[in-house]
Amino acid sequence: MRTLDLDLIAFGATVLPDAATYTHWRDLPLGAQMTETPGQLIVPHPRLQDRAFVLVPLMDVAPDWRHPVLGQTVRDMHDALPISERDEIKPL
């Protein structure tokens, strides 16, 4: 069990450790995502484009930030999510 799970979502246009490693982790099947853990920092977060709980609040602070690998803005990724997923995210 982890006592803290802190995800670094992105750092400008930085891709760490490299584009190939990023792509490997982004494309892992769901089952592998749930059981494997990278041994190094992967930036941007490999699944940020799939997560409403990341993209909905990110729309408030950086809607025009462009994903350095996918080339999409936060607005693009947010708008590509199903409305039902976006609507589940409520401010505290």
PDB file of N, CA and C in Angstrom:
ATOM      1  N   MET A   1       0.843  -1.194   0.000  1.00  0.00           N
ATOM      2  CA  MET A   1       0.000   0.000   0.000  1.00  0.00           C
ATOM      3  C   MET A   1       0.878   1.243   0.000  1.00  0.00           C
ATOM      4  N   ARG A   2       0.456   2.213  -0.784  1.00  0.00           N
ATOM      5  CA  ARG A   2       1.147   3.498  -0.797  1.00  0.00           C
ATOM      6  C   ARG A   2       0.443   4.431   0.177  1.00  0.00           C
ATOM      7  N   THR A   3       1.215   5.192   0.905  1.00  0.00           N
ATOM      8  CA  THR A   3       0.618   6.190   1.789  1.00  0.00           C
ATOM      9  C   THR A   3       0.408   7.501   1.059  1.00  0.00           C
ATOM     10  N   LEU A   4       1.079   7.655  -0.079  1.00  0.00           N
ATOM     11  CA  LEU A   4       0.939   8.861  -0.873  1.00  0.00           C
ATOM     12  C   LEU A   4       1.140   8.502  -2.335  1.00  0.00           C
ATOM     13  N   ASP A   5       0.271   8.992  -3.181  1.00  0.00           N
ATOM     14  CA  ASP A   5       0.399   8.802  -4.621  1.00  0.00           C
ATOM     15  C   ASP A   5       0.377  10.182  -5.247  1.00  0.00           C
ATOM     16  N   LEU A   6       1.516  10.649  -5.675  1.00  0.00           N
ATOM     17  CA  LEU A   6       1.641  11.979  -6.251  1.00  0.00           C
ATOM     18  C   LEU A   6       2.014  11.829  -7.718  1.00  0.00           C
ATOM     19  N   ASP A   7       1.175  12.319  -8.591  1.00  0.00           N
ATOM     20  CA  ASP A   7       1.442  12.241 -10.022  1.00  0.00           C
ATOM     21  C   ASP A   7       1.876  13.598 -10.539  1.00  0.00           C
ATOM     22  N   LEU A   8       3.019  13.631 -11.183  1.00  0.00           N
ATOM     23  CA  LEU A   8       3.454  14.821 -11.898  1.00  0.00           C
ATOM     24  C   LEU A   8       2.833  14.700 -13.282  1.00  0.00           C
ATOM     25  N   ILE A   9       1.912  15.598 -13.595  1.00  0.00           N
ATOM     26  CA  ILE A   9       1.148  15.499 -14.832  1.00  0.00           C
ATOM     27  C   ILE A   9       1.992  15.880 -16.038  1.00  0.00           C
ATOM     28  N   ALA A  10       2.671  17.003 -15.968  1.00  0.00           N
ATOM     29  CA  ALA A  10       3.485  17.473 -17.093  1.00  0.00           C
ATOM     30  C   ALA A  10       4.467  18.517 -16.589  1.00  0.00           C
ATOM     31  N   PHE A  11       5.453  18.798 -17.434  1.00  0.00           N
ATOM     32  CA  PHE A  11       6.422  19.845 -17.133  1.00  0.00           C
ATOM     33  C   PHE A  11       6.740  20.537 -18.453  1.00  0.00           C
ATOM     34  N   GLY A  12       5.877  21.485 -18.830  1.00  0.00           N
ATOM     35  CA  GLY A  12       6.040  22.189 -20.092  1.00  0.00           C
ATOM     36  C   GLY A  12       6.017  21.226 -21.263  1.00  0.00           C
ATOM     37  N   ALA A  13       7.031  21.305 -22.120  1.00  0.00           N
ATOM     38  CA  ALA A  13       7.129  20.438 -23.293  1.00  0.00           C
ATOM     39  C   ALA A  13       8.095  19.278 -23.070  1.00  0.00           C
ATOM     40  N   THR A  14       8.468  19.042 -21.815  1.00  0.00           N
ATOM     41  CA  THR A  14       9.432  17.985 -21.484  1.00  0.00           C
ATOM     42  C   THR A  14       8.798  16.609 -21.649  1.00  0.00           C
ATOM     43  N   VAL A  15       9.553  15.677 -22.218  1.00  0.00           N
ATOM     44  CA  VAL A  15       9.165  14.271 -22.314  1.00  0.00           C
ATOM     45  C   VAL A  15      10.285  13.480 -21.652  1.00  0.00           C
ATOM     46  N   LEU A  16       9.945  12.763 -20.571  1.00  0.00           N
ATOM     47  CA  LEU A  16      10.937  11.987 -19.823  1.00  0.00           C
ATOM     48  C   LEU A  16      10.501  10.541 -19.694  1.00  0.00           C
ATOM     49  N   PRO A  17      11.407   9.585 -19.745  1.00  0.00           N
ATOM     50  CA  PRO A  17      12.813   9.782 -20.030  1.00  0.00           C
ATOM     51  C   PRO A  17      13.068   9.982 -21.523  1.00  0.00           C
ATOM     52  N   ASP A  18      12.127   9.489 -22.376  1.00  0.00           N
ATOM     53  CA  ASP A  18      12.225   9.700 -23.818  1.00  0.00           C
ATOM     54  C   ASP A  18      10.875   9.337 -24.438  1.00  0.00           C
ATOM     55  N   ALA A  19      10.685   9.673 -25.694  1.00  0.00           N
ATOM     56  CA  ALA A  19       9.389   9.452 -26.350  1.00  0.00           C
ATOM     57  C   ALA A  19       9.034   7.968 -26.444  1.00  0.00           C
ATOM     58  N   ALA A  20      10.009   7.110 -26.690  1.00  0.00           N
ATOM     59  CA  ALA A  20       9.721   5.674 -26.815  1.00  0.00           C
ATOM     60  C   ALA A  20       9.233   5.082 -25.494  1.00  0.00           C
ATOM     61  N   THR A  21       9.874   5.444 -24.398  1.00  0.00           N
ATOM     62  CA  THR A  21       9.447   4.947 -23.088  1.00  0.00           C
ATOM     63  C   THR A  21       8.074   5.495 -22.737  1.00  0.00           C
ATOM     64  N   TYR A  22       7.859   6.778 -23.006  1.00  0.00           N
ATOM     65  CA  TYR A  22       6.545   7.372 -22.779  1.00  0.00           C
ATOM     66  C   TYR A  22       5.481   6.585 -23.544  1.00  0.00           C
ATOM     67  N   THR A  23       5.727   6.321 -24.828  1.00  0.00           N
ATOM     68  CA  THR A  23       4.751   5.625 -25.669  1.00  0.00           C
ATOM     69  C   THR A  23       4.484   4.221 -25.157  1.00  0.00           C
ATOM     70  N   HIS A  24       5.519   3.528 -24.710  1.00  0.00           N
ATOM     71  CA  HIS A  24       5.347   2.190 -24.145  1.00  0.00           C
ATOM     72  C   HIS A  24       4.346   2.219 -22.987  1.00  0.00           C
ATOM     73  N   TRP A  25       4.539   3.139 -22.051  1.00  0.00           N
ATOM     74  CA  TRP A  25       3.653   3.203 -20.877  1.00  0.00           C
ATOM     75  C   TRP A  25       2.264   3.713 -21.239  1.00  0.00           C
ATOM     76  N   ARG A  26       2.168   4.605 -22.191  1.00  0.00           N
ATOM     77  CA  ARG A  26       0.857   5.106 -22.622  1.00  0.00           C
ATOM     78  C   ARG A  26       0.029   3.996 -23.249  1.00  0.00           C
ATOM     79  N   ASP A  27       0.687   3.111 -23.998  1.00  0.00           N
ATOM     80  CA  ASP A  27      -0.023   2.086 -24.760  1.00  0.00           C
ATOM     81  C   ASP A  27      -0.205   0.760 -24.028  1.00  0.00           C
ATOM     82  N   LEU A  28       0.198   0.685 -22.769  1.00  0.00           N
ATOM     83  CA  LEU A  28       0.015  -0.565 -22.022  1.00  0.00           C
ATOM     84  C   LEU A  28      -1.465  -0.923 -21.916  1.00  0.00           C
ATOM     85  N   PRO A  29      -1.803  -2.188 -22.082  1.00  0.00           N
ATOM     86  CA  PRO A  29      -3.187  -2.612 -21.871  1.00  0.00           C
ATOM     87  C   PRO A  29      -3.609  -2.351 -20.423  1.00  0.00           C
ATOM     88  N   LEU A  30      -4.907  -2.206 -20.209  1.00  0.00           N
ATOM     89  CA  LEU A  30      -5.433  -1.864 -18.890  1.00  0.00           C
ATOM     90  C   LEU A  30      -4.945  -2.817 -17.804  1.00  0.00           C
ATOM     91  N   GLY A  31      -4.961  -4.107 -18.068  1.00  0.00           N
ATOM     92  CA  GLY A  31      -4.507  -5.071 -17.063  1.00  0.00           C
ATOM     93  C   GLY A  31      -3.069  -4.832 -16.639  1.00  0.00           C
ATOM     94  N   ALA A  32      -2.217  -4.533 -17.600  1.00  0.00           N
ATOM     95  CA  ALA A  32      -0.810  -4.258 -17.294  1.00  0.00           C
ATOM     96  C   ALA A  32      -0.670  -2.935 -16.548  1.00  0.00           C
ATOM     97  N   GLN A  33      -1.504  -1.960 -16.890  1.00  0.00           N
ATOM     98  CA  GLN A  33      -1.474  -0.668 -16.197  1.00  0.00           C
ATOM     99  C   GLN A  33      -1.754  -0.847 -14.708  1.00  0.00           C
ATOM    100  N   MET A  34      -2.583  -1.812 -14.390  1.00  0.00           N
ATOM    101  CA  MET A  34      -2.984  -2.014 -13.003  1.00  0.00           C
ATOM    102  C   MET A  34      -1.969  -2.823 -12.203  1.00  0.00           C
ATOM    103  N   THR A  35      -1.030  -3.483 -12.878  1.00  0.00           N
ATOM    104  CA  THR A  35      -0.094  -4.347 -12.159  1.00  0.00           C
ATOM    105  C   THR A  35       1.364  -3.932 -12.297  1.00  0.00           C
ATOM    106  N   GLU A  36       1.692  -3.150 -13.313  1.00  0.00           N
ATOM    107  CA  GLU A  36       3.085  -2.756 -13.538  1.00  0.00           C
ATOM    108  C   GLU A  36       3.317  -1.315 -13.089  1.00  0.00           C
ATOM    109  N   THR A  37       4.516  -1.065 -12.628  1.00  0.00           N
ATOM    110  CA  THR A  37       4.905   0.275 -12.176  1.00  0.00           C
ATOM    111  C   THR A  37       6.241   0.631 -12.817  1.00  0.00           C
ATOM    112  N   PRO A  38       6.322   1.811 -13.437  1.00  0.00           N
ATOM    113  CA  PRO A  38       7.612   2.176 -14.029  1.00  0.00           C
ATOM    114  C   PRO A  38       8.665   2.416 -12.949  1.00  0.00           C
ATOM    115  N   GLY A  39       9.904   2.151 -13.283  1.00  0.00           N
ATOM    116  CA  GLY A  39      10.994   2.364 -12.343  1.00  0.00           C
ATOM    117  C   GLY A  39      11.587   3.757 -12.439  1.00  0.00           C
ATOM    118  N   GLN A  40      10.969   4.587 -13.244  1.00  0.00           N
ATOM    119  CA  GLN A  40      11.460   5.947 -13.441  1.00  0.00           C
ATOM    120  C   GLN A  40      10.276   6.874 -13.684  1.00  0.00           C
ATOM    121  N   LEU A  41      10.534   8.140 -13.607  1.00  0.00           N
ATOM    122  CA  LEU A  41       9.505   9.147 -13.840  1.00  0.00           C
ATOM    123  C   LEU A  41       9.150   9.183 -15.318  1.00  0.00           C
ATOM    124  N   ILE A  42       7.851   9.145 -15.621  1.00  0.00           N
ATOM    125  CA  ILE A  42       7.351   9.261 -16.991  1.00  0.00           C
ATOM    126  C   ILE A  42       6.582  10.576 -17.076  1.00  0.00           C
ATOM    127  N   VAL A  43       7.036  11.476 -17.934  1.00  0.00           N
ATOM    128  CA  VAL A  43       6.408  12.790 -18.106  1.00  0.00           C
ATOM    129  C   VAL A  43       6.267  13.064 -19.592  1.00  0.00           C
ATOM    130  N   PRO A  44       5.092  13.499 -20.047  1.00  0.00           N
ATOM    131  CA  PRO A  44       3.880  13.737 -19.273  1.00  0.00           C
ATOM    132  C   PRO A  44       3.265  12.420 -18.793  1.00  0.00           C
ATOM    133  N   HIS A  45       2.344  12.538 -17.856  1.00  0.00           N
ATOM    134  CA  HIS A  45       1.701  11.342 -17.320  1.00  0.00           C
ATOM    135  C   HIS A  45       1.109  10.560 -18.492  1.00  0.00           C
ATOM    136  N   PRO A  46       1.397   9.254 -18.587  1.00  0.00           N
ATOM    137  CA  PRO A  46       1.003   8.480 -19.759  1.00  0.00           C
ATOM    138  C   PRO A  46      -0.497   8.403 -20.047  1.00  0.00           C
ATOM    139  N   ARG A  47      -1.331   8.639 -19.054  1.00  0.00           N
ATOM    140  CA  ARG A  47      -2.773   8.508 -19.295  1.00  0.00           C
ATOM    141  C   ARG A  47      -3.556   9.780 -18.984  1.00  0.00           C
ATOM    142  N   LEU A  48      -2.866  10.902 -18.935  1.00  0.00           N
ATOM    143  CA  LEU A  48      -3.588  12.133 -18.607  1.00  0.00           C
ATOM    144  C   LEU A  48      -4.696  12.412 -19.606  1.00  0.00           C
ATOM    145  N   GLN A  49      -4.515  12.048 -20.872  1.00  0.00           N
ATOM    146  CA  GLN A  49      -5.520  12.305 -21.898  1.00  0.00           C
ATOM    147  C   GLN A  49      -6.789  11.481 -21.715  1.00  0.00           C
ATOM    148  N   ASP A  50      -6.741  10.473 -20.863  1.00  0.00           N
ATOM    149  CA  ASP A  50      -7.885   9.586 -20.632  1.00  0.00           C
ATOM    150  C   ASP A  50      -8.637   9.893 -19.346  1.00  0.00           C
ATOM    151  N   ARG A  51      -8.177  10.850 -18.576  1.00  0.00           N
ATOM    152  CA  ARG A  51      -8.690  11.026 -17.217  1.00  0.00           C
ATOM    153  C   ARG A  51      -9.393  12.358 -17.023  1.00  0.00           C
ATOM    154  N   ALA A  52     -10.687  12.258 -16.876  1.00  0.00           N
ATOM    155  CA  ALA A  52     -11.491  13.467 -16.649  1.00  0.00           C
ATOM    156  C   ALA A  52     -11.076  14.156 -15.360  1.00  0.00           C
ATOM    157  N   PHE A  53     -10.717  13.380 -14.325  1.00  0.00           N
ATOM    158  CA  PHE A  53     -10.365  14.007 -13.050  1.00  0.00           C
ATOM    159  C   PHE A  53      -9.073  14.815 -13.141  1.00  0.00           C
ATOM    160  N   VAL A  54      -8.318  14.637 -14.215  1.00  0.00           N
ATOM    161  CA  VAL A  54      -7.143  15.472 -14.482  1.00  0.00           C
ATOM    162  C   VAL A  54      -7.522  16.624 -15.407  1.00  0.00           C
ATOM    163  N   LEU A  55      -8.197  16.311 -16.490  1.00  0.00           N
ATOM    164  CA  LEU A  55      -8.460  17.308 -17.529  1.00  0.00           C
ATOM    165  C   LEU A  55      -9.497  18.355 -17.143  1.00  0.00           C
ATOM    166  N   VAL A  56     -10.506  17.986 -16.381  1.00  0.00           N
ATOM    167  CA  VAL A  56     -11.518  18.981 -16.000  1.00  0.00           C
ATOM    168  C   VAL A  56     -10.890  20.110 -15.183  1.00  0.00           C
ATOM    169  N   PRO A  57     -10.158  19.835 -14.109  1.00  0.00           N
ATOM    170  CA  PRO A  57      -9.531  20.950 -13.389  1.00  0.00           C
ATOM    171  C   PRO A  57      -8.410  21.623 -14.184  1.00  0.00           C
ATOM    172  N   LEU A  58      -7.718  20.863 -15.029  1.00  0.00           N
ATOM    173  CA  LEU A  58      -6.653  21.449 -15.834  1.00  0.00           C
ATOM    174  C   LEU A  58      -7.206  22.478 -16.819  1.00  0.00           C
ATOM    175  N   MET A  59      -8.444  22.317 -17.219  1.00  0.00           N
ATOM    176  CA  MET A  59      -9.104  23.304 -18.083  1.00  0.00           C
ATOM    177  C   MET A  59      -9.138  24.675 -17.419  1.00  0.00           C
ATOM    178  N   ASP A  60      -9.221  24.706 -16.092  1.00  0.00           N
ATOM    179  CA  ASP A  60      -9.272  25.980 -15.366  1.00  0.00           C
ATOM    180  C   ASP A  60      -7.940  26.709 -15.344  1.00  0.00           C
ATOM    181  N   VAL A  61      -6.846  25.976 -15.416  1.00  0.00           N
ATOM    182  CA  VAL A  61      -5.535  26.610 -15.244  1.00  0.00           C
ATOM    183  C   VAL A  61      -4.669  26.616 -16.500  1.00  0.00           C
ATOM    184  N   ALA A  62      -4.895  25.666 -17.417  1.00  0.00           N
ATOM    185  CA  ALA A  62      -4.014  25.594 -18.592  1.00  0.00           C
ATOM    186  C   ALA A  62      -4.718  24.991 -19.810  1.00  0.00           C
ATOM    187  N   PRO A  63      -5.842  25.561 -20.233  1.00  0.00           N
ATOM    188  CA  PRO A  63      -6.594  24.958 -21.340  1.00  0.00           C
ATOM    189  C   PRO A  63      -5.830  24.930 -22.665  1.00  0.00           C
ATOM    190  N   ASP A  64      -4.849  25.806 -22.813  1.00  0.00           N
ATOM    191  CA  ASP A  64      -4.112  25.876 -24.078  1.00  0.00           C
ATOM    192  C   ASP A  64      -2.767  25.149 -24.049  1.00  0.00           C
ATOM    193  N   TRP A  65      -2.444  24.523 -22.903  1.00  0.00           N
ATOM    194  CA  TRP A  65      -1.205  23.748 -22.857  1.00  0.00           C
ATOM    195  C   TRP A  65      -1.298  22.631 -23.881  1.00  0.00           C
ATOM    196  N   ARG A  66      -0.236  22.433 -24.629  1.00  0.00           N
ATOM    197  CA  ARG A  66      -0.210  21.431 -25.694  1.00  0.00           C
ATOM    198  C   ARG A  66       0.637  20.237 -25.262  1.00  0.00           C
ATOM    199  N   HIS A  67       0.053  19.055 -25.355  1.00  0.00           N
ATOM    200  CA  HIS A  67       0.741  17.807 -25.015  1.00  0.00           C
ATOM    201  C   HIS A  67       1.928  17.647 -25.965  1.00  0.00           C
ATOM    202  N   PRO A  68       3.141  17.474 -25.432  1.00  0.00           N
ATOM    203  CA  PRO A  68       4.328  17.453 -26.292  1.00  0.00           C
ATOM    204  C   PRO A  68       4.457  16.224 -27.191  1.00  0.00           C
ATOM    205  N   VAL A  69       3.730  15.168 -26.910  1.00  0.00           N
ATOM    206  CA  VAL A  69       3.782  13.971 -27.762  1.00  0.00           C
ATOM    207  C   VAL A  69       2.538  13.893 -28.642  1.00  0.00           C
ATOM    208  N   LEU A  70       1.375  14.072 -28.049  1.00  0.00           N
ATOM    209  CA  LEU A  70       0.119  13.934 -28.791  1.00  0.00           C
ATOM    210  C   LEU A  70      -0.196  15.155 -29.653  1.00  0.00           C
ATOM    211  N   GLY A  71       0.346  16.305 -29.275  1.00  0.00           N
ATOM    212  CA  GLY A  71       0.101  17.521 -30.038  1.00  0.00           C
ATOM    213  C   GLY A  71      -1.257  18.156 -29.783  1.00  0.00           C
ATOM    214  N   GLN A  72      -2.016  17.619 -28.852  1.00  0.00           N
ATOM    215  CA  GLN A  72      -3.346  18.147 -28.535  1.00  0.00           C
ATOM    216  C   GLN A  72      -3.271  19.092 -27.347  1.00  0.00           C
ATOM    217  N   THR A  73      -4.168  20.073 -27.329  1.00  0.00           N
ATOM    218  CA  THR A  73      -4.263  20.949 -26.166  1.00  0.00           C
ATOM    219  C   THR A  73      -5.102  20.265 -25.098  1.00  0.00           C
ATOM    220  N   VAL A  74      -5.043  20.821 -23.890  1.00  0.00           N
ATOM    221  CA  VAL A  74      -5.901  20.322 -22.817  1.00  0.00           C
ATOM    222  C   VAL A  74      -7.363  20.411 -23.265  1.00  0.00           C
ATOM    223  N   ARG A  75      -7.712  21.504 -23.915  1.00  0.00           N
ATOM    224  CA  ARG A  75      -9.091  21.673 -24.397  1.00  0.00           C
ATOM    225  C   ARG A  75      -9.465  20.546 -25.366  1.00  0.00           C
ATOM    226  N   ASP A  76      -8.565  20.207 -26.292  1.00  0.00           N
ATOM    227  CA  ASP A  76      -8.825  19.117 -27.248  1.00  0.00           C
ATOM    228  C   ASP A  76      -9.058  17.791 -26.526  1.00  0.00           C
ATOM    229  N   MET A  77      -8.156  17.477 -25.581  1.00  0.00           N
ATOM    230  CA  MET A  77      -8.262  16.201 -24.858  1.00  0.00           C
ATOM    231  C   MET A  77      -9.521  16.173 -24.003  1.00  0.00           C
ATOM    232  N   HIS A  78      -9.817  17.290 -23.338  1.00  0.00           N
ATOM    233  CA  HIS A  78     -11.017  17.411 -22.510  1.00  0.00           C
ATOM    234  C   HIS A  78     -12.269  17.191 -23.352  1.00  0.00           C
ATOM    235  N   ASP A  79     -12.336  17.876 -24.483  1.00  0.00           N
ATOM    236  CA  ASP A  79     -13.523  17.788 -25.326  1.00  0.00           C
ATOM    237  C   ASP A  79     -13.690  16.416 -25.970  1.00  0.00           C
ATOM    238  N   ALA A  80     -12.613  15.633 -26.063  1.00  0.00           N
ATOM    239  CA  ALA A  80     -12.687  14.286 -26.631  1.00  0.00           C
ATOM    240  C   ALA A  80     -13.245  13.261 -25.646  1.00  0.00           C
ATOM    241  N   LEU A  81     -13.256  13.607 -24.360  1.00  0.00           N
ATOM    242  CA  LEU A  81     -13.807  12.690 -23.357  1.00  0.00           C
ATOM    243  C   LEU A  81     -15.325  12.655 -23.456  1.00  0.00           C
ATOM    244  N   PRO A  82     -15.936  11.534 -23.120  1.00  0.00           N
ATOM    245  CA  PRO A  82     -17.397  11.488 -23.070  1.00  0.00           C
ATOM    246  C   PRO A  82     -17.937  12.518 -22.063  1.00  0.00           C
ATOM    247  N   ILE A  83     -19.005  13.180 -22.431  1.00  0.00           N
ATOM    248  CA  ILE A  83     -19.612  14.187 -21.552  1.00  0.00           C
ATOM    249  C   ILE A  83     -19.966  13.574 -20.202  1.00  0.00           C
ATOM    250  N   SER A  84     -20.413  12.331 -20.204  1.00  0.00           N
ATOM    251  CA  SER A  84     -20.792  11.689 -18.941  1.00  0.00           C
ATOM    252  C   SER A  84     -19.604  11.605 -17.983  1.00  0.00           C
ATOM    253  N   GLU A  85     -18.404  11.359 -18.501  1.00  0.00           N
ATOM    254  CA  GLU A  85     -17.214  11.304 -17.649  1.00  0.00           C
ATOM    255  C   GLU A  85     -16.855  12.689 -17.127  1.00  0.00           C
ATOM    256  N   ARG A  86     -16.940  13.689 -17.987  1.00  0.00           N
ATOM    257  CA  ARG A  86     -16.626  15.057 -17.568  1.00  0.00           C
ATOM    258  C   ARG A  86     -17.613  15.534 -16.513  1.00  0.00           C
ATOM    259  N   ASP A  87     -18.872  15.189 -16.677  1.00  0.00           N
ATOM    260  CA  ASP A  87     -19.907  15.644 -15.739  1.00  0.00           C
ATOM    261  C   ASP A  87     -19.803  14.992 -14.364  1.00  0.00           C
ATOM    262  N   GLU A  88     -19.090  13.876 -14.261  1.00  0.00           N
ATOM    263  CA  GLU A  88     -18.901  13.206 -12.971  1.00  0.00           C
ATOM    264  C   GLU A  88     -17.960  13.995 -12.055  1.00  0.00           C
ATOM    265  N   ILE A  89     -17.152  14.862 -12.624  1.00  0.00           N
ATOM    266  CA  ILE A  89     -16.160  15.609 -11.848  1.00  0.00           C
ATOM    267  C   ILE A  89     -16.811  16.846 -11.267  1.00  0.00           C
ATOM    268  N   LYS A  90     -16.847  16.909  -9.955  1.00  0.00           N
ATOM    269  CA  LYS A  90     -17.489  18.021  -9.239  1.00  0.00           C
ATOM    270  C   LYS A  90     -16.456  18.760  -8.409  1.00  0.00           C
ATOM    271  N   PRO A  91     -16.515  20.090  -8.406  1.00  0.00           N
ATOM    272  CA  PRO A  91     -15.583  20.838  -7.560  1.00  0.00           C
ATOM    273  C   PRO A  91     -15.874  20.586  -6.086  1.00  0.00           C
ATOM    274  N   LEU A  92     -14.847  20.647  -5.277  1.00  0.00           N
ATOM    275  CA  LEU A  92     -15.013  20.461  -3.831  1.00  0.00           C
ATOM    276  C   LEU A  92     -15.486  21.722  -3.173  1.00  0.00           C
TER     277      LEU A  92
END
